[in-house]
Amino acid sequence: MRIEKDFLGEIEIPDDVYYGVQTTRAIHNFSITGHMLNEDFVTALAIVKAAAARANMRTGRMPARIGSAIVQSAEEIIAGQWRNQFVVDCIQGGAGTSMNMNANEVIANRALEILGETKGNYALISPNNHINMAQSTNDVIPTAIRICTIHKAKKLMEALNALADAFKAKGEEFSQVLKMGRTHLQDAVPITLGQEFHAYAEAIKRSIHRIEVTVKSLHAVNMGATAVGTGLNAEPEYITFVIEELSKLTGETIYSAKNMVDATQNTDELAEFSGTLKVSALALSKIANDLRLMASGPKCGLNELLLPAMQPGSSIMPGKVNPVIPETMNQVAFQVIGNDLAVSMAVEAGQFELNVMEPVMAYNLFNSLTILTNAVNTLNYKCVQGIKANVKHCNSMIDVSVGVVTALLPHIGYEQSSMIAKEALSTSRPIKEIVVSKGLLTAEQLEIILSPGEMTQPGIAGKQFLPSA
């Protein structure tokens, strides 16, 4: 054991851990979610600390020997080491001070070790004086949240692009599969399955565009703002240098916020970004609902789609297979929508020069990004790419549907079409059969008028049968 102290007193700490006294207090104070910091967020924290150390060395304020050890320590964390030393709970009071100090203490003690010193020798390398030099929790945490969000958003957009491509490919595959379209859950007019799947691809592409637009604003950070946005204890050169170093380490174009006070006290851009995740979740959930409904049955439902069978669907009903992958997408969407509400409430709860609720914003944002990315990949690779169309059944439903009578309006008029629809409903005879029996159109004419192309993308093929003016 080693003894560490702060202005509240002394605490015994196991000598094999790299965190220190303030992290230990946070462990005792915040046993809330049982979840430690997100790994991508830990990486982002280490990036911020490495960038700050490099910037402080460039200004001459940080001795090169100490700064180099700090940078090496932070780079080890970026590479994946020492993750088990980040032990504070995700939800905590203090605007993220415990997160910041957890990083400061781990980096300080590892840097001491690199220099051949013992952990806790803070006279040489201090978590506050050196690792936190020219910084505050109030610029470190917002900056790390944004860096982490940018990284995770890239993964989500990659997943969404792949899913959009999968729906587009299925749209091409199903381009000639004619089926009944539905409005109000009732038969409407025919549509191709390909058109429906192309529409899903377009909806997903809009989600990608929204994310691309909103994530751009997160490249503006308040690093150098320190406590309240005034930049106290941060040299102007340091602010320029730390932004340059952040850009190098992230591979992104990071820049200083136009107004540091605004960027320190307001978090509306996180709410805006969270809103795009919610809208994406809504679109994906609607698509999942459609897939579940079109695959319902197989004998007593719509049975238009055959989804990949992933697992037995019941502990009591033999042979039952459920649409478990779309169901998962629905549930993830519900969670993302709930997360967005938590982010919204936290953004609203800021006062004066700081929003202290950023830990819960980060917790919910990172959760939404992670589970949405995983769900999108699952929907793509375990469902969409393996979907097959039940072409025979789709055709049979077209044959018995009254909805196709709408295509006859230009040829035989509304009144005649209505009478035919009424007769078809009362007798269960197919529309084609009734039309031909009444001598209104021939079977050959109906073949053209009711073809997939003419029904779903009206052209000139049926115009020869239109009544003359």
Protein backbone atom coordinates (compact mmCIF):
# COMPACT_ATOMS: atom_id res chain seq x y z
CA MET A 1 0.00 0.00 0.00
CA ARG A 2 1.00 3.63 -0.45
CA ILE A 3 -0.40 6.73 1.18
CA GLU A 4 -1.72 9.57 -0.98
CA LYS A 5 -3.32 12.75 0.25
CA ASP A 6 -5.36 15.67 -0.94
CA PHE A 7 -6.75 18.64 0.98
CA LEU A 8 -9.44 16.40 2.49
CA GLY A 9 -6.93 14.04 4.04
CA GLU A 10 -4.95 10.83 3.48
CA ILE A 11 -6.06 7.56 1.84
CA GLU A 12 -4.34 4.19 1.56
CA ILE A 13 -4.08 2.96 -2.04
CA PRO A 14 -2.87 -0.43 -3.31
CA ASP A 15 0.61 0.04 -4.70
CA ASP A 16 -0.10 -1.93 -7.87
CA VAL A 17 -2.74 0.49 -9.18
CA TYR A 18 -1.97 3.57 -11.24
CA TYR A 19 -4.89 5.71 -10.12
CA GLY A 20 -4.62 7.79 -6.96
CA VAL A 21 -6.45 9.55 -4.18
CA GLN A 22 -9.09 11.46 -6.14
CA THR A 23 -10.03 8.43 -8.20
CA THR A 24 -10.33 6.40 -5.01
CA ARG A 25 -12.71 8.98 -3.53
CA ALA A 26 -14.80 8.79 -6.71
CA ILE A 27 -14.98 4.98 -6.42
CA HIS A 28 -16.36 5.40 -2.90
CA ASN A 29 -18.77 8.20 -3.85
CA PHE A 30 -20.23 7.06 -7.16
CA SER A 31 -21.46 3.49 -7.30
CA ILE A 32 -24.26 4.25 -9.76
CA THR A 33 -24.35 2.37 -13.07
CA GLY A 34 -21.75 -0.30 -12.50
CA HIS A 35 -20.26 0.75 -15.86
CA MET A 36 -16.76 2.12 -16.17
CA LEU A 37 -15.77 4.66 -18.79
CA ASN A 38 -16.35 3.77 -22.43
CA GLU A 39 -13.09 2.56 -24.00
CA ASP A 40 -13.31 5.00 -26.89
CA PHE A 41 -13.80 7.80 -24.37
CA VAL A 42 -10.70 6.66 -22.46
CA THR A 43 -8.81 6.86 -25.74
CA ALA A 44 -10.16 10.36 -26.32
CA LEU A 45 -9.10 11.46 -22.82
CA ALA A 46 -5.59 10.15 -23.47
CA ILE A 47 -5.49 11.99 -26.81
CA VAL A 48 -6.41 15.24 -25.06
CA LYS A 49 -3.69 14.71 -22.43
CA ALA A 50 -1.04 13.84 -25.02
CA ALA A 51 -1.96 16.90 -27.08
CA ALA A 52 -1.81 19.15 -24.01
CA ALA A 53 1.61 17.82 -22.98
CA ARG A 54 2.98 18.34 -26.48
CA ALA A 55 1.58 21.86 -26.59
CA ASN A 56 3.03 22.69 -23.17
CA MET A 57 6.43 21.44 -24.28
CA ARG A 58 6.19 23.62 -27.39
CA THR A 59 5.57 26.72 -25.27
CA GLY A 60 8.51 25.80 -23.03
CA ARG A 61 6.34 25.60 -19.94
CA MET A 62 6.68 21.81 -19.62
CA PRO A 63 10.21 20.37 -19.19
CA ALA A 64 10.96 18.04 -22.10
CA ARG A 65 11.96 15.09 -19.91
CA ILE A 66 8.69 15.18 -17.98
CA GLY A 67 6.58 16.02 -21.02
CA SER A 68 8.03 13.14 -23.03
CA ALA A 69 7.22 10.68 -20.24
CA ILE A 70 3.67 12.03 -20.05
CA VAL A 71 3.22 11.71 -23.81
CA GLN A 72 4.55 8.13 -23.76
CA SER A 73 2.19 7.26 -20.92
CA ALA A 74 -0.80 8.75 -22.77
CA GLU A 75 0.18 7.03 -26.01
CA GLU A 76 0.25 3.66 -24.23
CA ILE A 77 -3.35 4.27 -23.17
CA ILE A 78 -4.28 5.27 -26.72
CA ALA A 79 -2.76 1.96 -27.86
CA GLY A 80 -5.01 0.05 -25.47
CA GLN A 81 -2.93 -0.38 -22.32
CA TRP A 82 -3.98 0.36 -18.73
CA ARG A 83 -7.71 0.32 -19.51
CA ASN A 84 -8.43 -1.52 -16.26
CA GLN A 85 -7.12 1.52 -14.38
CA PHE A 86 -10.04 3.69 -15.49
CA VAL A 87 -12.44 2.71 -12.75
CA VAL A 88 -14.75 5.64 -12.06
CA ASP A 89 -18.48 5.26 -12.72
CA CYS A 90 -19.87 6.82 -15.91
CA ILE A 91 -22.44 8.88 -14.03
CA GLN A 92 -20.94 11.13 -11.37
CA GLY A 93 -21.19 14.57 -9.86
CA GLY A 94 -18.59 17.22 -10.55
CA ALA A 95 -19.01 17.73 -14.31
CA GLY A 96 -16.52 14.94 -14.98
CA THR A 97 -13.78 15.97 -12.53
CA SER A 98 -13.42 12.36 -11.42
CA MET A 99 -12.99 11.23 -15.02
CA ASN A 100 -10.38 13.90 -15.61
CA MET A 101 -8.50 13.10 -12.40
CA ASN A 102 -8.64 9.36 -13.10
CA ALA A 103 -6.82 10.08 -16.37
CA ASN A 104 -4.44 12.56 -14.71
CA GLU A 105 -3.45 10.12 -11.96
CA VAL A 106 -3.00 7.09 -14.20
CA ILE A 107 -0.91 9.06 -16.69
CA ALA A 108 1.15 10.65 -13.90
CA ASN A 109 1.95 7.39 -12.14
CA ARG A 110 2.79 5.58 -15.38
CA ALA A 111 5.01 8.53 -16.41
CA LEU A 112 6.79 8.30 -13.05
CA GLU A 113 7.35 4.60 -13.66
CA ILE A 114 8.75 5.35 -17.13
CA LEU A 115 11.29 7.68 -15.48
CA GLY A 116 12.23 5.00 -12.95
CA GLU A 117 10.39 6.68 -10.07
CA THR A 118 7.86 5.22 -7.67
CA LYS A 119 4.10 5.78 -7.98
CA GLY A 120 2.84 8.67 -5.92
CA ASN A 121 6.01 10.76 -6.22
CA TYR A 122 3.95 13.76 -7.28
CA ALA A 123 6.69 16.24 -6.40
CA LEU A 124 8.30 15.20 -9.69
CA ILE A 125 5.20 14.62 -11.84
CA SER A 126 1.91 15.87 -10.46
CA PRO A 127 -1.55 14.88 -11.76
CA ASN A 128 -2.66 18.48 -11.30
CA ASN A 129 0.46 20.56 -11.98
CA HIS A 130 1.77 18.59 -14.95
CA ILE A 131 -0.86 16.29 -16.50
CA ASN A 132 -3.54 18.98 -16.07
CA MET A 133 -1.27 21.89 -17.00
CA ALA A 134 -3.18 24.74 -18.73
CA GLN A 135 -6.35 22.69 -18.48
CA SER A 136 -9.56 22.31 -16.52
CA THR A 137 -12.12 19.53 -16.34
CA ASN A 138 -14.35 22.08 -18.03
CA ASP A 139 -12.42 22.02 -21.29
CA VAL A 140 -10.92 18.52 -21.11
CA ILE A 141 -14.20 16.63 -20.73
CA PRO A 142 -16.19 18.52 -23.41
CA THR A 143 -13.28 18.11 -25.83
CA ALA A 144 -12.91 14.39 -25.11
CA ILE A 145 -16.68 13.87 -25.51
CA ARG A 146 -16.55 15.46 -28.93
CA ILE A 147 -13.50 13.49 -30.07
CA CYS A 148 -15.10 10.24 -28.91
CA THR A 149 -18.40 11.09 -30.57
CA ILE A 150 -16.69 11.91 -33.88
CA HIS A 151 -14.91 8.55 -33.79
CA LYS A 152 -18.04 6.59 -32.97
CA ALA A 153 -20.12 8.48 -35.54
CA LYS A 154 -17.71 7.31 -38.26
CA LYS A 155 -18.34 3.70 -37.29
CA LEU A 156 -22.10 4.26 -37.34
CA MET A 157 -22.02 5.92 -40.76
CA GLU A 158 -19.97 3.04 -42.15
CA ALA A 159 -22.57 0.60 -40.83
CA LEU A 160 -25.46 2.66 -42.21
CA ASN A 161 -23.81 2.95 -45.62
CA ALA A 162 -23.37 -0.81 -45.77
CA LEU A 163 -27.02 -1.32 -44.78
CA ALA A 164 -28.21 1.18 -47.42
CA ASP A 165 -26.14 -0.68 -50.03
CA ALA A 166 -27.69 -3.98 -48.94
CA PHE A 167 -31.23 -2.61 -49.30
CA LYS A 168 -30.32 -1.13 -52.68
CA ALA A 169 -28.97 -4.49 -53.87
CA LYS A 170 -32.14 -6.22 -52.70
CA GLY A 171 -34.14 -3.52 -54.47
CA GLU A 172 -32.47 -4.49 -57.74
CA GLU A 173 -32.99 -8.19 -57.04
CA PHE A 174 -36.70 -7.65 -56.32
CA SER A 175 -37.33 -5.10 -59.09
CA GLN A 176 -39.81 -7.36 -60.92
CA VAL A 177 -41.55 -8.78 -57.85
CA LEU A 178 -45.04 -7.27 -57.97
CA LYS A 179 -46.97 -7.20 -54.70
CA MET A 180 -49.81 -5.31 -53.10
CA GLY A 181 -49.01 -1.96 -51.61
CA ARG A 182 -50.86 -1.06 -48.44
CA THR A 183 -52.12 2.11 -46.80
CA HIS A 184 -53.98 2.11 -43.48
CA LEU A 185 -52.96 -1.59 -43.31
CA GLN A 186 -55.47 -2.18 -46.12
CA ASP A 187 -54.87 -3.21 -49.72
CA ALA A 188 -54.04 -0.19 -51.87
CA VAL A 189 -52.46 -0.51 -55.32
CA PRO A 190 -49.61 -2.69 -56.54
CA ILE A 191 -45.98 -1.83 -55.97
CA THR A 192 -42.80 -3.79 -56.54
CA LEU A 193 -40.89 -5.18 -53.61
CA GLY A 194 -37.86 -3.56 -55.23
CA GLN A 195 -39.43 -0.11 -54.94
CA GLU A 196 -40.06 -0.67 -51.23
CA PHE A 197 -36.46 -1.76 -50.62
CA HIS A 198 -35.08 1.17 -52.63
CA ALA A 199 -37.17 3.46 -50.44
CA TYR A 200 -35.59 1.93 -47.33
CA ALA A 201 -32.14 2.63 -48.78
CA GLU A 202 -33.08 6.28 -49.37
CA ALA A 203 -34.38 6.72 -45.81
CA ILE A 204 -31.11 5.36 -44.44
CA LYS A 205 -29.07 7.65 -46.69
CA ARG A 206 -30.95 10.64 -45.28
CA SER A 207 -30.00 9.49 -41.80
CA ILE A 208 -26.35 9.36 -42.86
CA HIS A 209 -26.58 12.88 -44.26
CA ARG A 210 -28.08 14.23 -41.02
CA ILE A 211 -25.26 12.66 -39.01
CA GLU A 212 -22.63 14.03 -41.39
CA VAL A 213 -24.01 17.55 -41.04
CA THR A 214 -24.36 17.58 -37.26
CA VAL A 215 -21.05 15.87 -36.49
CA LYS A 216 -19.21 18.71 -38.26
CA SER A 217 -20.10 21.12 -35.46
CA LEU A 218 -18.46 18.79 -32.93
CA HIS A 219 -15.05 19.52 -34.47
CA ALA A 220 -15.16 22.90 -32.69
CA VAL A 221 -13.78 22.41 -29.16
CA ASN A 222 -13.20 24.64 -26.14
CA MET A 223 -9.72 23.34 -25.35
CA GLY A 224 -7.87 26.23 -23.73
CA ALA A 225 -11.05 27.70 -22.27
CA THR A 226 -10.07 26.26 -18.87
CA ALA A 227 -12.64 26.87 -16.10
CA VAL A 228 -15.27 29.24 -17.50
CA GLY A 229 -14.15 30.03 -21.03
CA THR A 230 -11.83 32.92 -20.24
CA GLY A 231 -8.67 30.87 -20.75
CA LEU A 232 -7.24 31.54 -17.28
CA ASN A 233 -3.80 29.84 -16.93
CA ALA A 234 -3.68 28.92 -20.63
CA GLU A 235 -1.24 30.85 -22.81
CA PRO A 236 -2.49 31.99 -26.26
CA GLU A 237 0.30 30.01 -27.91
CA TYR A 238 -0.72 26.91 -25.98
CA ILE A 239 -4.31 27.19 -27.27
CA THR A 240 -3.05 27.33 -30.85
CA PHE A 241 -0.62 24.46 -30.31
CA VAL A 242 -3.05 22.16 -28.50
CA ILE A 243 -5.56 22.43 -31.36
CA GLU A 244 -2.80 21.57 -33.84
CA GLU A 245 -1.76 18.57 -31.74
CA LEU A 246 -5.36 17.37 -31.38
CA SER A 247 -5.76 17.49 -35.15
CA LYS A 248 -2.58 15.45 -35.64
CA LEU A 249 -3.54 12.82 -33.08
CA THR A 250 -7.13 12.41 -34.25
CA GLY A 251 -6.61 12.79 -37.99
CA GLU A 252 -9.52 15.25 -37.91
CA THR A 253 -9.69 18.98 -38.55
CA ILE A 254 -10.20 20.13 -34.97
CA TYR A 255 -10.56 23.87 -34.41
CA SER A 256 -11.18 26.31 -31.56
CA ALA A 257 -14.74 27.33 -30.88
CA LYS A 258 -15.53 30.87 -31.99
CA ASN A 259 -16.66 31.87 -28.50
CA MET A 260 -15.00 29.92 -25.70
CA VAL A 261 -17.43 31.10 -23.03
CA ASP A 262 -20.36 29.92 -25.14
CA ALA A 263 -18.64 26.59 -25.87
CA THR A 264 -18.00 26.03 -22.15
CA GLN A 265 -21.48 26.80 -20.85
CA ASN A 266 -23.68 25.49 -23.69
CA THR A 267 -24.06 21.93 -24.96
CA ASP A 268 -26.87 22.33 -27.49
CA GLU A 269 -24.73 20.80 -30.25
CA LEU A 270 -24.72 17.52 -28.34
CA ALA A 271 -28.51 17.64 -28.19
CA GLU A 272 -28.64 18.33 -31.92
CA PHE A 273 -26.39 15.37 -32.66
CA SER A 274 -28.33 13.11 -30.32
CA GLY A 275 -31.47 14.15 -32.18
CA THR A 276 -30.04 12.80 -35.43
CA LEU A 277 -29.45 9.45 -33.73
CA LYS A 278 -33.07 9.45 -32.58
CA VAL A 279 -34.35 10.20 -36.08
CA SER A 280 -32.14 7.44 -37.49
CA ALA A 281 -33.53 5.05 -34.91
CA LEU A 282 -37.10 6.01 -35.83
CA ALA A 283 -36.47 5.31 -39.52
CA LEU A 284 -34.76 1.99 -38.79
CA SER A 285 -37.54 0.91 -36.44
CA LYS A 286 -40.17 1.62 -39.10
CA ILE A 287 -38.20 -0.47 -41.60
CA ALA A 288 -37.89 -3.29 -39.05
CA ASN A 289 -41.66 -3.16 -38.51
CA ASP A 290 -42.25 -3.52 -42.26
CA LEU A 291 -39.90 -6.50 -42.48
CA ARG A 292 -41.66 -8.21 -39.57
CA LEU A 293 -45.10 -7.64 -41.09
CA MET A 294 -44.14 -8.74 -44.60
CA ALA A 295 -42.57 -11.89 -43.13
CA SER A 296 -45.55 -12.64 -40.87
CA GLY A 297 -47.00 -16.13 -41.03
CA PRO A 298 -45.73 -18.21 -42.65
CA LYS A 299 -49.16 -19.77 -43.31
CA CYS A 300 -51.54 -17.30 -41.69
CA GLY A 301 -49.80 -13.97 -42.28
CA LEU A 302 -48.63 -11.86 -45.23
CA ASN A 303 -45.72 -14.22 -45.98
CA GLU A 304 -44.30 -11.97 -48.71
CA LEU A 305 -40.73 -12.11 -47.36
CA LEU A 306 -38.68 -15.04 -46.16
CA LEU A 307 -36.26 -13.83 -43.49
CA PRO A 308 -33.19 -15.89 -42.58
CA ALA A 309 -34.04 -18.33 -39.80
CA MET A 310 -31.64 -17.46 -37.00
CA GLN A 311 -32.89 -19.55 -34.05
CA PRO A 312 -35.88 -21.55 -32.78
CA GLY A 313 -38.63 -19.14 -31.85
CA SER A 314 -40.36 -20.83 -28.98
CA SER A 315 -39.69 -22.98 -25.96
CA ILE A 316 -43.10 -24.63 -26.37
CA MET A 317 -44.14 -24.40 -30.04
CA PRO A 318 -42.05 -26.73 -32.26
CA GLY A 319 -41.00 -25.34 -35.62
CA LYS A 320 -41.77 -21.70 -34.79
CA VAL A 321 -39.22 -19.15 -36.07
CA ASN A 322 -39.44 -15.51 -35.04
CA PRO A 323 -38.07 -12.34 -36.71
CA VAL A 324 -35.55 -11.87 -33.91
CA ILE A 325 -33.18 -9.57 -35.80
CA PRO A 326 -35.78 -6.90 -36.73
CA GLU A 327 -37.17 -7.24 -33.19
CA THR A 328 -33.71 -6.39 -31.86
CA MET A 329 -33.57 -3.34 -34.13
CA ASN A 330 -36.90 -2.16 -32.69
CA GLN A 331 -35.69 -2.51 -29.12
CA VAL A 332 -32.43 -0.69 -29.80
CA ALA A 333 -34.45 2.12 -31.37
CA PHE A 334 -36.55 2.42 -28.22
CA GLN A 335 -33.38 2.69 -26.12
CA VAL A 336 -31.84 5.32 -28.41
CA ILE A 337 -35.03 7.39 -28.21
CA GLY A 338 -34.90 7.18 -24.40
CA ASN A 339 -31.23 8.11 -24.39
CA ASP A 340 -32.02 11.18 -26.48
CA LEU A 341 -34.54 12.34 -23.88
CA ALA A 342 -31.88 11.98 -21.15
CA VAL A 343 -29.43 14.01 -23.24
CA SER A 344 -32.08 16.67 -23.88
CA MET A 345 -32.89 17.04 -20.19
CA ALA A 346 -29.19 17.25 -19.30
CA VAL A 347 -28.54 19.91 -21.95
CA GLU A 348 -31.40 21.98 -20.55
CA ALA A 349 -30.08 21.66 -16.99
CA GLY A 350 -26.97 23.81 -17.38
CA GLN A 351 -26.55 26.96 -15.32
CA PHE A 352 -24.39 30.02 -15.90
CA GLU A 353 -20.83 29.23 -17.05
CA LEU A 354 -20.95 25.42 -17.11
CA ASN A 355 -23.25 22.50 -17.73
CA VAL A 356 -22.32 20.05 -14.98
CA MET A 357 -24.47 17.27 -16.48
CA GLU A 358 -22.02 16.29 -19.22
CA PRO A 359 -21.25 12.84 -17.71
CA VAL A 360 -24.83 11.68 -18.28
CA MET A 361 -24.83 13.23 -21.76
CA ALA A 362 -21.68 11.29 -22.62
CA TYR A 363 -23.03 8.07 -21.11
CA ASN A 364 -26.19 8.18 -23.20
CA LEU A 365 -24.58 9.46 -26.40
CA PHE A 366 -21.91 6.78 -26.35
CA ASN A 367 -24.49 4.12 -25.52
CA SER A 368 -26.68 5.22 -28.44
CA LEU A 369 -23.77 5.24 -30.88
CA THR A 370 -22.51 1.84 -29.76
CA ILE A 371 -25.79 -0.06 -29.73
CA LEU A 372 -27.12 1.60 -32.89
CA THR A 373 -23.95 0.67 -34.79
CA ASN A 374 -24.14 -2.92 -33.51
CA ALA A 375 -27.85 -3.21 -34.33
CA VAL A 376 -27.39 -1.82 -37.85
CA ASN A 377 -24.61 -4.32 -38.56
CA THR A 378 -26.72 -7.12 -37.12
CA LEU A 379 -29.74 -6.15 -39.24
CA ASN A 380 -27.57 -6.01 -42.34
CA TYR A 381 -25.51 -9.16 -42.05
CA LYS A 382 -27.93 -11.41 -40.18
CA CYS A 383 -31.15 -10.39 -41.91
CA VAL A 384 -31.28 -8.08 -44.93
CA GLN A 385 -28.60 -9.74 -47.02
CA GLY A 386 -30.33 -13.11 -46.63
CA ILE A 387 -33.91 -11.99 -47.34
CA LYS A 388 -35.76 -13.84 -50.09
CA ALA A 389 -39.00 -12.87 -51.78
CA ASN A 390 -41.97 -15.25 -51.79
CA VAL A 391 -42.73 -14.43 -55.41
CA LYS A 392 -45.45 -17.04 -55.92
CA HIS A 393 -47.41 -15.84 -52.90
CA CYS A 394 -46.99 -12.16 -53.86
CA ASN A 395 -48.43 -12.97 -57.31
CA SER A 396 -51.33 -14.93 -55.85
CA MET A 397 -52.31 -11.99 -53.63
CA ILE A 398 -52.22 -9.65 -56.63
CA ASP A 399 -54.53 -12.01 -58.50
CA VAL A 400 -57.16 -12.01 -55.75
CA SER A 401 -56.81 -8.35 -54.81
CA VAL A 402 -59.43 -5.75 -55.64
CA GLY A 403 -56.76 -3.05 -55.48
CA VAL A 404 -55.64 -3.66 -59.06
CA VAL A 405 -58.94 -2.26 -60.30
CA THR A 406 -57.50 1.23 -59.75
CA ALA A 407 -55.24 0.66 -62.77
CA LEU A 408 -58.35 0.23 -64.93
CA LEU A 409 -59.78 3.69 -64.18
CA PRO A 410 -58.28 5.39 -67.28
CA HIS A 411 -59.57 2.56 -69.48
CA ILE A 412 -63.11 1.78 -68.27
CA GLY A 413 -63.90 4.69 -65.93
CA TYR A 414 -64.54 5.05 -62.23
CA GLU A 415 -68.16 3.86 -62.26
CA GLN A 416 -67.44 0.64 -64.13
CA SER A 417 -64.38 0.03 -61.97
CA SER A 418 -66.44 0.48 -58.79
CA MET A 419 -69.05 -2.04 -59.95
CA ILE A 420 -66.34 -4.54 -60.81
CA ALA A 421 -64.68 -4.06 -57.41
CA LYS A 422 -68.03 -4.60 -55.67
CA GLU A 423 -68.69 -7.78 -57.65
CA ALA A 424 -65.19 -9.09 -56.97
CA LEU A 425 -65.63 -8.56 -53.22
CA SER A 426 -69.04 -10.26 -53.12
CA THR A 427 -68.22 -13.20 -55.38
CA SER A 428 -64.46 -13.64 -54.72
CA ARG A 429 -63.93 -13.79 -58.50
CA PRO A 430 -60.65 -12.28 -59.79
CA ILE A 431 -60.82 -8.79 -61.29
CA LYS A 432 -59.34 -9.98 -64.58
CA GLU A 433 -61.98 -12.65 -64.98
CA ILE A 434 -64.87 -10.23 -64.40
CA VAL A 435 -63.48 -7.60 -66.80
CA VAL A 436 -62.98 -10.12 -69.59
CA SER A 437 -66.39 -11.74 -69.03
CA LYS A 438 -68.10 -8.36 -69.44
CA GLY A 439 -66.17 -7.68 -72.66
CA LEU A 440 -64.66 -4.46 -71.29
CA LEU A 441 -61.08 -5.41 -72.12
CA THR A 442 -59.39 -8.48 -73.55
CA ALA A 443 -57.07 -10.77 -71.65
CA GLU A 444 -54.19 -9.53 -73.83
CA GLN A 445 -54.99 -5.92 -73.02
CA LEU A 446 -55.17 -6.68 -69.31
CA GLU A 447 -51.81 -8.43 -69.49
CA ILE A 448 -50.24 -5.16 -70.60
CA ILE A 449 -52.24 -2.83 -68.35
CA LEU A 450 -51.63 -4.94 -65.26
CA SER A 451 -47.96 -5.69 -65.97
CA PRO A 452 -45.43 -4.79 -63.21
CA GLY A 453 -43.96 -1.96 -65.28
CA GLU A 454 -47.27 -0.39 -66.23
CA MET A 455 -48.70 -0.79 -62.73
CA THR A 456 -45.74 0.69 -60.86
CA GLN A 457 -44.08 3.02 -63.39
CA PRO A 458 -46.82 4.18 -65.76
CA GLY A 459 -45.62 4.63 -69.34
CA ILE A 460 -47.24 4.50 -72.76
CA ALA A 461 -47.83 0.74 -73.04
CA GLY A 462 -51.48 0.93 -71.93
CA LYS A 463 -52.40 4.19 -73.65
CA GLN A 464 -53.53 2.44 -76.81
CA PHE A 465 -56.48 1.10 -74.83
CA LEU A 466 -57.65 4.46 -73.51
CA PRO A 467 -61.13 5.52 -74.68
CA SER A 468 -61.09 8.30 -77.26
CA ALA A 469 -62.06 11.79 -76.17
